[in-house]
PDB file of N, CA and C in Angstrom:
ATOM      1  N   MET A   1     125.597  16.743  47.805  1.00  0.00           N
ATOM      2  CA  MET A   1     124.865  15.049  47.169  1.00  0.00           C
ATOM      3  C   MET A   1     125.611  14.859  46.166  1.00  0.00           C
ATOM      4  N   GLN A   2     125.643  15.505  44.909  1.00  0.00           N
ATOM      5  CA  GLN A   2     126.046  14.631  43.466  1.00  0.00           C
ATOM      6  C   GLN A   2     127.277  14.093  43.569  1.00  0.00           C
ATOM      7  N   LEU A   3     128.226  14.665  44.831  1.00  0.00           N
ATOM      8  CA  LEU A   3     129.496  14.193  45.332  1.00  0.00           C
ATOM      9  C   LEU A   3     129.114  12.645  45.995  1.00  0.00           C
ATOM     10  N   LEU A   4     128.398  12.524  46.780  1.00  0.00           N
ATOM     11  CA  LEU A   4     127.986  11.353  47.612  1.00  0.00           C
ATOM     12  C   LEU A   4     127.367  10.648  46.290  1.00  0.00           C
ATOM     13  N   VAL A   5     126.639  10.970  45.167  1.00  0.00           N
ATOM     14  CA  VAL A   5     125.829   9.846  44.349  1.00  0.00           C
ATOM     15  C   VAL A   5     126.950   9.678  43.255  1.00  0.00           C
ATOM     16  N   SER A   6     128.136   9.938  43.192  1.00  0.00           N
ATOM     17  CA  SER A   6     128.769   9.506  42.314  1.00  0.00           C
ATOM     18  C   SER A   6     130.201   9.097  42.863  1.00  0.00           C
ATOM     19  N   ALA A   7     130.043   8.883  43.965  1.00  0.00           N
ATOM     20  CA  ALA A   7     131.278   8.157  44.467  1.00  0.00           C
ATOM     21  C   ALA A   7     131.396   6.364  44.895  1.00  0.00           C
ATOM     22  N   ILE A   8     132.749   6.365  44.863  1.00  0.00           N
ATOM     23  CA  ILE A   8     132.654   4.931  44.435  1.00  0.00           C
ATOM     24  C   ILE A   8     132.686   3.820  46.048  1.00  0.00           C
ATOM     25  N   THR A   9     131.732   3.278  45.956  1.00  0.00           N
ATOM     26  CA  THR A   9     131.820   2.313  47.242  1.00  0.00           C
ATOM     27  C   THR A   9     132.756   0.959  46.835  1.00  0.00           C
ATOM     28  N   HIS A  10     133.219   0.717  47.967  1.00  0.00           N
ATOM     29  CA  HIS A  10     134.026  -0.370  48.529  1.00  0.00           C
ATOM     30  C   HIS A  10     133.391  -1.182  48.754  1.00  0.00           C
ATOM     31  N   SER A  11     132.973  -2.565  48.083  1.00  0.00           N
ATOM     32  CA  SER A  11     133.069  -3.795  48.319  1.00  0.00           C
ATOM     33  C   SER A  11     133.652  -4.894  48.591  1.00  0.00           C
ATOM     34  N   GLY A  12     133.414  -6.070  49.256  1.00  0.00           N
ATOM     35  CA  GLY A  12     134.534  -7.539  48.888  1.00  0.00           C
ATOM     36  C   GLY A  12     134.434  -7.778  47.469  1.00  0.00           C
ATOM     37  N   ASP A  13     134.164  -7.668  46.534  1.00  0.00           N
ATOM     38  CA  ASP A  13     133.972  -8.296  45.225  1.00  0.00           C
ATOM     39  C   ASP A  13     134.602  -7.075  44.476  1.00  0.00           C
ATOM     40  N   GLY A  14     134.963  -5.864  44.785  1.00  0.00           N
ATOM     41  CA  GLY A  14     135.487  -4.966  44.085  1.00  0.00           C
ATOM     42  C   GLY A  14     135.117  -3.482  44.290  1.00  0.00           C
ATOM     43  N   TYR A  15     135.338  -2.990  43.516  1.00  0.00           N
ATOM     44  CA  TYR A  15     135.124  -1.446  43.703  1.00  0.00           C
ATOM     45  C   TYR A  15     133.253  -1.488  42.306  1.00  0.00           C
ATOM     46  N   ARG A  16     132.551  -0.930  42.614  1.00  0.00           N
ATOM     47  CA  ARG A  16     131.472  -0.393  41.887  1.00  0.00           C
ATOM     48  C   ARG A  16     130.692   0.885  42.402  1.00  0.00           C
ATOM     49  N   THR A  17     130.200   1.340  41.241  1.00  0.00           N
ATOM     50  CA  THR A  17     129.330   2.917  41.457  1.00  0.00           C
ATOM     51  C   THR A  17     128.018   2.552  41.920  1.00  0.00           C
ATOM     52  N   PRO A  18     127.529   3.256  41.942  1.00  0.00           N
ATOM     53  CA  PRO A  18     125.921   3.379  42.439  1.00  0.00           C
ATOM     54  C   PRO A  18     125.277   2.335  41.051  1.00  0.00           C
ATOM     55  N   GLU A  19     125.395   2.845  40.365  1.00  0.00           N
ATOM     56  CA  GLU A  19     124.652   2.663  39.028  1.00  0.00           C
ATOM     57  C   GLU A  19     124.789   1.287  38.498  1.00  0.00           C
ATOM     58  N   ARG A  20     125.910   0.409  38.932  1.00  0.00           N
ATOM     59  CA  ARG A  20     126.464  -0.861  38.638  1.00  0.00           C
ATOM     60  C   ARG A  20     125.901  -1.760  40.120  1.00  0.00           C
ATOM     61  N   SER A  21     125.592  -1.215  40.985  1.00  0.00           N
ATOM     62  CA  SER A  21     125.001  -1.726  42.063  1.00  0.00           C
ATOM     63  C   SER A  21     123.577  -1.738  41.934  1.00  0.00           C
ATOM     64  N   MET A  22     122.736  -0.684  40.880  1.00  0.00           N
ATOM     65  CA  MET A  22     121.529  -0.680  40.737  1.00  0.00           C
ATOM     66  C   MET A  22     121.313  -1.916  39.771  1.00  0.00           C
ATOM     67  N   SER A  23     122.058  -1.773  38.411  1.00  0.00           N
ATOM     68  CA  SER A  23     121.898  -3.197  37.780  1.00  0.00           C
ATOM     69  C   SER A  23     121.857  -4.217  37.884  1.00  0.00           C
ATOM     70  N   ARG A  24     122.691  -4.469  39.181  1.00  0.00           N
ATOM     71  CA  ARG A  24     122.964  -5.698  39.760  1.00  0.00           C
ATOM     72  C   ARG A  24     121.749  -6.436  40.459  1.00  0.00           C
ATOM     73  N   GLN A  25     121.005  -5.011  41.104  1.00  0.00           N
ATOM     74  CA  GLN A  25     119.534  -5.114  41.300  1.00  0.00           C
ATOM     75  C   GLN A  25     118.530  -5.500  40.809  1.00  0.00           C
ATOM     76  N   ALA A  26     118.756  -4.997  39.592  1.00  0.00           N
ATOM     77  CA  ALA A  26     117.773  -5.387  38.309  1.00  0.00           C
ATOM     78  C   ALA A  26     117.971  -6.732  37.826  1.00  0.00           C
ATOM     79  N   SER A  27     118.933  -7.068  37.547  1.00  0.00           N
ATOM     80  CA  SER A  27     119.328  -8.378  37.202  1.00  0.00           C
ATOM     81  C   SER A  27     118.740  -9.376  38.170  1.00  0.00           C
ATOM     82  N   PHE A  28     118.889  -8.966  39.640  1.00  0.00           N
ATOM     83  CA  PHE A  28     118.121 -10.062  40.485  1.00  0.00           C
ATOM     84  C   PHE A  28     117.229 -10.313  40.376  1.00  0.00           C
ATOM     85  N   SER A  29     116.249  -8.976  40.204  1.00  0.00           N
ATOM     86  CA  SER A  29     114.406  -8.749  40.124  1.00  0.00           C
ATOM     87  C   SER A  29     114.291  -9.586  39.058  1.00  0.00           C
ATOM     88  N   ALA A  30     115.042  -9.661  37.655  1.00  0.00           N
ATOM     89  CA  ALA A  30     114.723 -10.229  36.700  1.00  0.00           C
ATOM     90  C   ALA A  30     114.665 -11.515  36.657  1.00  0.00           C
ATOM     91  N   ALA A  31     115.740 -11.883  37.576  1.00  0.00           N
ATOM     92  CA  ALA A  31     116.014 -13.732  37.554  1.00  0.00           C
ATOM     93  C   ALA A  31     115.003 -14.129  38.430  1.00  0.00           C
ATOM     94  N   LEU A  32     114.825 -13.231  39.441  1.00  0.00           N
ATOM     95  CA  LEU A  32     114.021 -13.878  40.664  1.00  0.00           C
ATOM     96  C   LEU A  32     112.227 -14.198  39.841  1.00  0.00           C
ATOM     97  N   VAL A  33     111.747 -12.789  38.826  1.00  0.00           N
ATOM     98  CA  VAL A  33     110.606 -12.959  38.279  1.00  0.00           C
ATOM     99  C   VAL A  33     110.969 -14.187  37.367  1.00  0.00           C
ATOM    100  N   SER A  34     111.600 -14.469  36.816  1.00  0.00           N
ATOM    101  CA  SER A  34     111.804 -15.463  35.738  1.00  0.00           C
ATOM    102  C   SER A  34     111.740 -16.658  36.232  1.00  0.00           C
ATOM    103  N   CYS A  35     112.557 -16.650  37.362  1.00  0.00           N
ATOM    104  CA  CYS A  35     112.331 -18.329  38.530  1.00  0.00           C
ATOM    105  C   CYS A  35     110.626 -18.522  38.775  1.00  0.00           C
ATOM    106  N   ILE A  36     109.776 -17.540  39.101  1.00  0.00           N
ATOM    107  CA  ILE A  36     108.152 -17.629  39.227  1.00  0.00           C
ATOM    108  C   ILE A  36     107.669 -17.803  37.779  1.00  0.00           C
ATOM    109  N   ALA A  37     107.852 -16.607  36.975  1.00  0.00           N
ATOM    110  CA  ALA A  37     106.671 -16.699  35.883  1.00  0.00           C
ATOM    111  C   ALA A  37     107.334 -18.587  35.258  1.00  0.00           C
ATOM    112  N   ILE A  38     108.563 -19.164  35.040  1.00  0.00           N
ATOM    113  CA  ILE A  38     108.615 -20.137  34.210  1.00  0.00           C
ATOM    114  C   ILE A  38     108.031 -21.257  34.433  1.00  0.00           C
ATOM    115  N   PRO A  39     107.962 -21.689  35.765  1.00  0.00           N
ATOM    116  CA  PRO A  39     107.268 -22.972  36.249  1.00  0.00           C
ATOM    117  C   PRO A  39     105.510 -22.115  36.242  1.00  0.00           C
ATOM    118  N   LEU A  40     105.137 -21.051  36.459  1.00  0.00           N
ATOM    119  CA  LEU A  40     103.847 -20.679  36.453  1.00  0.00           C
ATOM    120  C   LEU A  40     103.176 -20.959  34.972  1.00  0.00           C
ATOM    121  N   VAL A  41     103.939 -20.853  34.032  1.00  0.00           N
ATOM    122  CA  VAL A  41     104.160 -20.893  32.452  1.00  0.00           C
ATOM    123  C   VAL A  41     103.995 -22.638  32.217  1.00  0.00           C
ATOM    124  N   MET A  42     104.371 -23.132  32.984  1.00  0.00           N
ATOM    125  CA  MET A  42     105.059 -25.248  32.617  1.00  0.00           C
ATOM    126  C   MET A  42     103.728 -25.512  33.073  1.00  0.00           C
ATOM    127  N   TYR A  43     103.249 -24.949  34.450  1.00  0.00           N
ATOM    128  CA  TYR A  43     102.337 -25.360  35.365  1.00  0.00           C
ATOM    129  C   TYR A  43     100.771 -25.069  34.567  1.00  0.00           C
ATOM    130  N   SER A  44     101.020 -24.013  33.771  1.00  0.00           N
ATOM    131  CA  SER A  44      99.390 -23.469  33.107  1.00  0.00           C
ATOM    132  C   SER A  44      99.699 -24.056  31.855  1.00  0.00           C
ATOM    133  N   ALA A  45     100.352 -24.468  31.264  1.00  0.00           N
ATOM    134  CA  ALA A  45     100.193 -25.340  29.999  1.00  0.00           C
ATOM    135  C   ALA A  45     100.261 -26.605  29.963  1.00  0.00           C
ATOM    136  N   SER A  46     100.310 -27.268  31.063  1.00  0.00           N
ATOM    137  CA  SER A  46     100.065 -28.701  31.912  1.00  0.00           C
ATOM    138  C   SER A  46      98.802 -28.907  32.212  1.00  0.00           C
ATOM    139  N   ALA A  47      98.352 -27.875  32.716  1.00  0.00           N
ATOM    140  CA  ALA A  47      96.982 -27.728  33.158  1.00  0.00           C
ATOM    141  C   ALA A  47      95.619 -27.892  31.899  1.00  0.00           C
ATOM    142  N   VAL A  48      96.390 -27.288  30.827  1.00  0.00           N
ATOM    143  CA  VAL A  48      95.626 -27.052  29.664  1.00  0.00           C
ATOM    144  C   VAL A  48      96.051 -28.225  28.683  1.00  0.00           C
ATOM    145  N   TYR A  49      96.791 -28.575  28.769  1.00  0.00           N
ATOM    146  CA  TYR A  49      97.301 -29.963  27.451  1.00  0.00           C
ATOM    147  C   TYR A  49      96.979 -31.071  28.439  1.00  0.00           C
ATOM    148  N   VAL A  50      98.210 -31.371  29.323  1.00  0.00           N
ATOM    149  CA  VAL A  50      98.310 -32.598  29.582  1.00  0.00           C
ATOM    150  C   VAL A  50      97.142 -33.414  30.262  1.00  0.00           C
ATOM    151  N   LEU A  51      96.496 -32.296  31.214  1.00  0.00           N
ATOM    152  CA  LEU A  51      95.484 -33.266  32.371  1.00  0.00           C
ATOM    153  C   LEU A  51      94.552 -33.662  31.237  1.00  0.00           C
ATOM    154  N   PRO A  52      94.155 -33.390  30.127  1.00  0.00           N
ATOM    155  CA  PRO A  52      92.632 -33.636  29.225  1.00  0.00           C
ATOM    156  C   PRO A  52      93.697 -34.960  28.596  1.00  0.00           C
ATOM    157  N   ASN A  53      94.297 -34.750  28.242  1.00  0.00           N
ATOM    158  CA  ASN A  53      94.985 -36.278  27.287  1.00  0.00           C
ATOM    159  C   ASN A  53      94.990 -37.225  27.995  1.00  0.00           C
ATOM    160  N   LEU A  54      95.107 -37.232  29.669  1.00  0.00           N
ATOM    161  CA  LEU A  54      95.385 -37.784  30.545  1.00  0.00           C
ATOM    162  C   LEU A  54      94.507 -38.252  31.215  1.00  0.00           C
ATOM    163  N   GLU A  55      93.620 -37.490  31.118  1.00  0.00           N
ATOM    164  CA  GLU A  55      91.985 -37.950  30.937  1.00  0.00           C
ATOM    165  C   GLU A  55      91.829 -39.582  29.640  1.00  0.00           C
ATOM    166  N   ARG A  56      91.970 -38.408  28.882  1.00  0.00           N
ATOM    167  CA  ARG A  56      91.265 -39.521  27.473  1.00  0.00           C
ATOM    168  C   ARG A  56      92.167 -40.707  27.614  1.00  0.00           C
ATOM    169  N   ALA A  57      92.953 -40.851  27.888  1.00  0.00           N
ATOM    170  CA  ALA A  57      94.017 -41.687  28.021  1.00  0.00           C
ATOM    171  C   ALA A  57      93.549 -42.933  28.889  1.00  0.00           C
ATOM    172  N   THR A  58      93.100 -42.380  30.221  1.00  0.00           N
ATOM    173  CA  THR A  58      92.783 -43.213  31.377  1.00  0.00           C
ATOM    174  C   THR A  58      91.380 -43.826  30.920  1.00  0.00           C
ATOM    175  N   ALA A  59      90.656 -42.913  30.315  1.00  0.00           N
ATOM    176  CA  ALA A  59      89.554 -43.705  29.777  1.00  0.00           C
ATOM    177  C   ALA A  59      89.496 -44.613  28.768  1.00  0.00           C
ATOM    178  N   LYS A  60      90.260 -44.710  27.782  1.00  0.00           N
ATOM    179  CA  LYS A  60      90.518 -45.629  27.005  1.00  0.00           C
ATOM    180  C   LYS A  60      91.310 -46.981  27.279  1.00  0.00           C
ATOM    181  N   GLN A  61      91.803 -46.612  28.486  1.00  0.00           N
ATOM    182  CA  GLN A  61      92.597 -47.918  28.949  1.00  0.00           C
ATOM    183  C   GLN A  61      91.566 -48.646  29.658  1.00  0.00           C
ATOM    184  N   CYS A  62      90.753 -47.952  30.414  1.00  0.00           N
ATOM    185  CA  CYS A  62      89.687 -48.619  31.299  1.00  0.00           C
ATOM    186  C   CYS A  62      88.737 -49.552  30.076  1.00  0.00           C
ATOM    187  N   LEU A  63      88.601 -48.613  29.282  1.00  0.00           N
ATOM    188  CA  LEU A  63      87.450 -49.297  28.334  1.00  0.00           C
ATOM    189  C   LEU A  63      88.177 -50.898  27.571  1.00  0.00           C
ATOM    190  N   GLU A  64      89.417 -50.511  27.112  1.00  0.00           N
ATOM    191  CA  GLU A  64      90.204 -51.627  26.488  1.00  0.00           C
ATOM    192  C   GLU A  64      90.931 -52.628  27.191  1.00  0.00           C
ATOM    193  N   HIS A  65      90.533 -52.493  28.530  1.00  0.00           N
ATOM    194  CA  HIS A  65      91.514 -53.479  29.610  1.00  0.00           C
ATOM    195  C   HIS A  65      93.164 -53.706  29.078  1.00  0.00           C
ATOM    196  N   ASP A  66      93.831 -52.658  29.124  1.00  0.00           N
ATOM    197  CA  ASP A  66      95.002 -52.798  28.486  1.00  0.00           C
ATOM    198  C   ASP A  66      95.519 -52.305  30.007  1.00  0.00           C
ATOM    199  N   TRP A  67      95.967 -53.558  30.303  1.00  0.00           N
ATOM    200  CA  TRP A  67      96.942 -53.564  31.329  1.00  0.00           C
ATOM    201  C   TRP A  67      97.204 -55.396  31.641  1.00  0.00           C
ATOM    202  N   PRO A  68      98.580 -55.628  32.486  1.00  0.00           N
ATOM    203  CA  PRO A  68      98.752 -56.672  32.599  1.00  0.00           C
ATOM    204  C   PRO A  68      97.626 -57.827  33.454  1.00  0.00           C
ATOM    205  N   ALA A  69      97.495 -59.124  32.618  1.00  0.00           N
ATOM    206  CA  ALA A  69      96.180 -60.032  33.385  1.00  0.00           C
ATOM    207  C   ALA A  69      96.742 -60.010  34.537  1.00  0.00           C
ATOM    208  N   ASP A  70      97.682 -60.319  35.446  1.00  0.00           N
ATOM    209  CA  ASP A  70      97.688 -60.460  36.494  1.00  0.00           C
ATOM    210  C   ASP A  70      97.146 -59.517  37.507  1.00  0.00           C
ATOM    211  N   LYS A  71      97.205 -57.954  36.998  1.00  0.00           N
ATOM    212  CA  LYS A  71      96.450 -57.059  37.569  1.00  0.00           C
ATOM    213  C   LYS A  71      95.161 -56.500  37.161  1.00  0.00           C
ATOM    214  N   HIS A  72      94.429 -57.331  36.886  1.00  0.00           N
ATOM    215  CA  HIS A  72      93.107 -57.026  35.983  1.00  0.00           C
ATOM    216  C   HIS A  72      92.055 -56.697  37.078  1.00  0.00           C
ATOM    217  N   GLN A  73      92.053 -57.310  38.194  1.00  0.00           N
ATOM    218  CA  GLN A  73      91.090 -57.116  39.548  1.00  0.00           C
ATOM    219  C   GLN A  73      91.458 -55.738  39.985  1.00  0.00           C
ATOM    220  N   ALA A  74      92.465 -55.568  39.959  1.00  0.00           N
ATOM    221  CA  ALA A  74      92.776 -54.014  40.604  1.00  0.00           C
ATOM    222  C   ALA A  74      92.595 -53.138  39.806  1.00  0.00           C
ATOM    223  N   HIS A  75      92.581 -53.505  38.455  1.00  0.00           N
ATOM    224  CA  HIS A  75      92.269 -52.035  37.521  1.00  0.00           C
ATOM    225  C   HIS A  75      91.037 -51.919  37.621  1.00  0.00           C
ATOM    226  N   MET A  76      90.441 -53.241  37.368  1.00  0.00           N
ATOM    227  CA  MET A  76      89.321 -53.357  37.242  1.00  0.00           C
ATOM    228  C   MET A  76      88.208 -52.121  38.421  1.00  0.00           C
ATOM    229  N   ALA A  77      89.083 -52.491  39.618  1.00  0.00           N
ATOM    230  CA  ALA A  77      88.360 -51.964  40.707  1.00  0.00           C
ATOM    231  C   ALA A  77      88.978 -50.356  40.963  1.00  0.00           C
ATOM    232  N   TRP A  78      90.114 -50.405  40.481  1.00  0.00           N
ATOM    233  CA  TRP A  78      90.337 -48.506  39.859  1.00  0.00           C
ATOM    234  C   TRP A  78      89.167 -47.971  39.665  1.00  0.00           C
ATOM    235  N   CYS A  79      88.913 -48.606  38.136  1.00  0.00           N
ATOM    236  CA  CYS A  79      88.239 -47.939  37.310  1.00  0.00           C
ATOM    237  C   CYS A  79      87.175 -47.387  37.346  1.00  0.00           C
ATOM    238  N   ALA A  80      86.485 -48.606  38.632  1.00  0.00           N
ATOM    239  CA  ALA A  80      84.689 -48.621  38.899  1.00  0.00           C
ATOM    240  C   ALA A  80      85.306 -47.398  39.767  1.00  0.00           C
ATOM    241  N   ALA A  81      86.092 -47.318  40.747  1.00  0.00           N
ATOM    242  CA  ALA A  81      86.039 -46.559  42.171  1.00  0.00           C
ATOM    243  C   ALA A  81      85.852 -44.892  41.536  1.00  0.00           C
ATOM    244  N   ASN A  82      86.528 -44.911  40.496  1.00  0.00           N
ATOM    245  CA  ASN A  82      86.848 -44.029  39.770  1.00  0.00           C
ATOM    246  C   ASN A  82      85.721 -43.052  38.677  1.00  0.00           C
ATOM    247  N   GLY A  83      84.903 -43.947  38.531  1.00  0.00           N
ATOM    248  CA  GLY A  83      83.993 -43.783  37.975  1.00  0.00           C
ATOM    249  C   GLY A  83      84.341 -43.687  35.976  1.00  0.00           C
ATOM    250  N   TYR A  84      85.228 -44.256  36.096  1.00  0.00           N
ATOM    251  CA  TYR A  84      85.280 -44.874  34.542  1.00  0.00           C
ATOM    252  C   TYR A  84      84.982 -46.125  34.045  1.00  0.00           C
ATOM    253  N   LYS A  85      83.917 -46.350  32.630  1.00  0.00           N
ATOM    254  CA  LYS A  85      83.814 -47.500  32.396  1.00  0.00           C
ATOM    255  C   LYS A  85      84.615 -48.275  31.820  1.00  0.00           C
ATOM    256  N   SER A  86      83.949 -49.894  32.002  1.00  0.00           N
ATOM    257  CA  SER A  86      85.103 -50.557  31.877  1.00  0.00           C
ATOM    258  C   SER A  86      84.489 -52.329  31.143  1.00  0.00           C
TER     259      SER A  86
END
């Protein structure tokens, strides 16, 4: 059994030991976790920081009528339909 574990196997990219194969598998697992964790952290940060700031900026824009004059009616209707004071 020990001989089987320490045997060198051949693959298309060269020779590798079972230990190297496990190391590659661990690297793949770490990369996969990173590909899931990083976007999840970014999404959470946006939910905590960006959304409240966006809400305040929208309310301010509706109160101050901060838009082009030719778009006034469309923006006033949007603010009223979405519950913002204008």
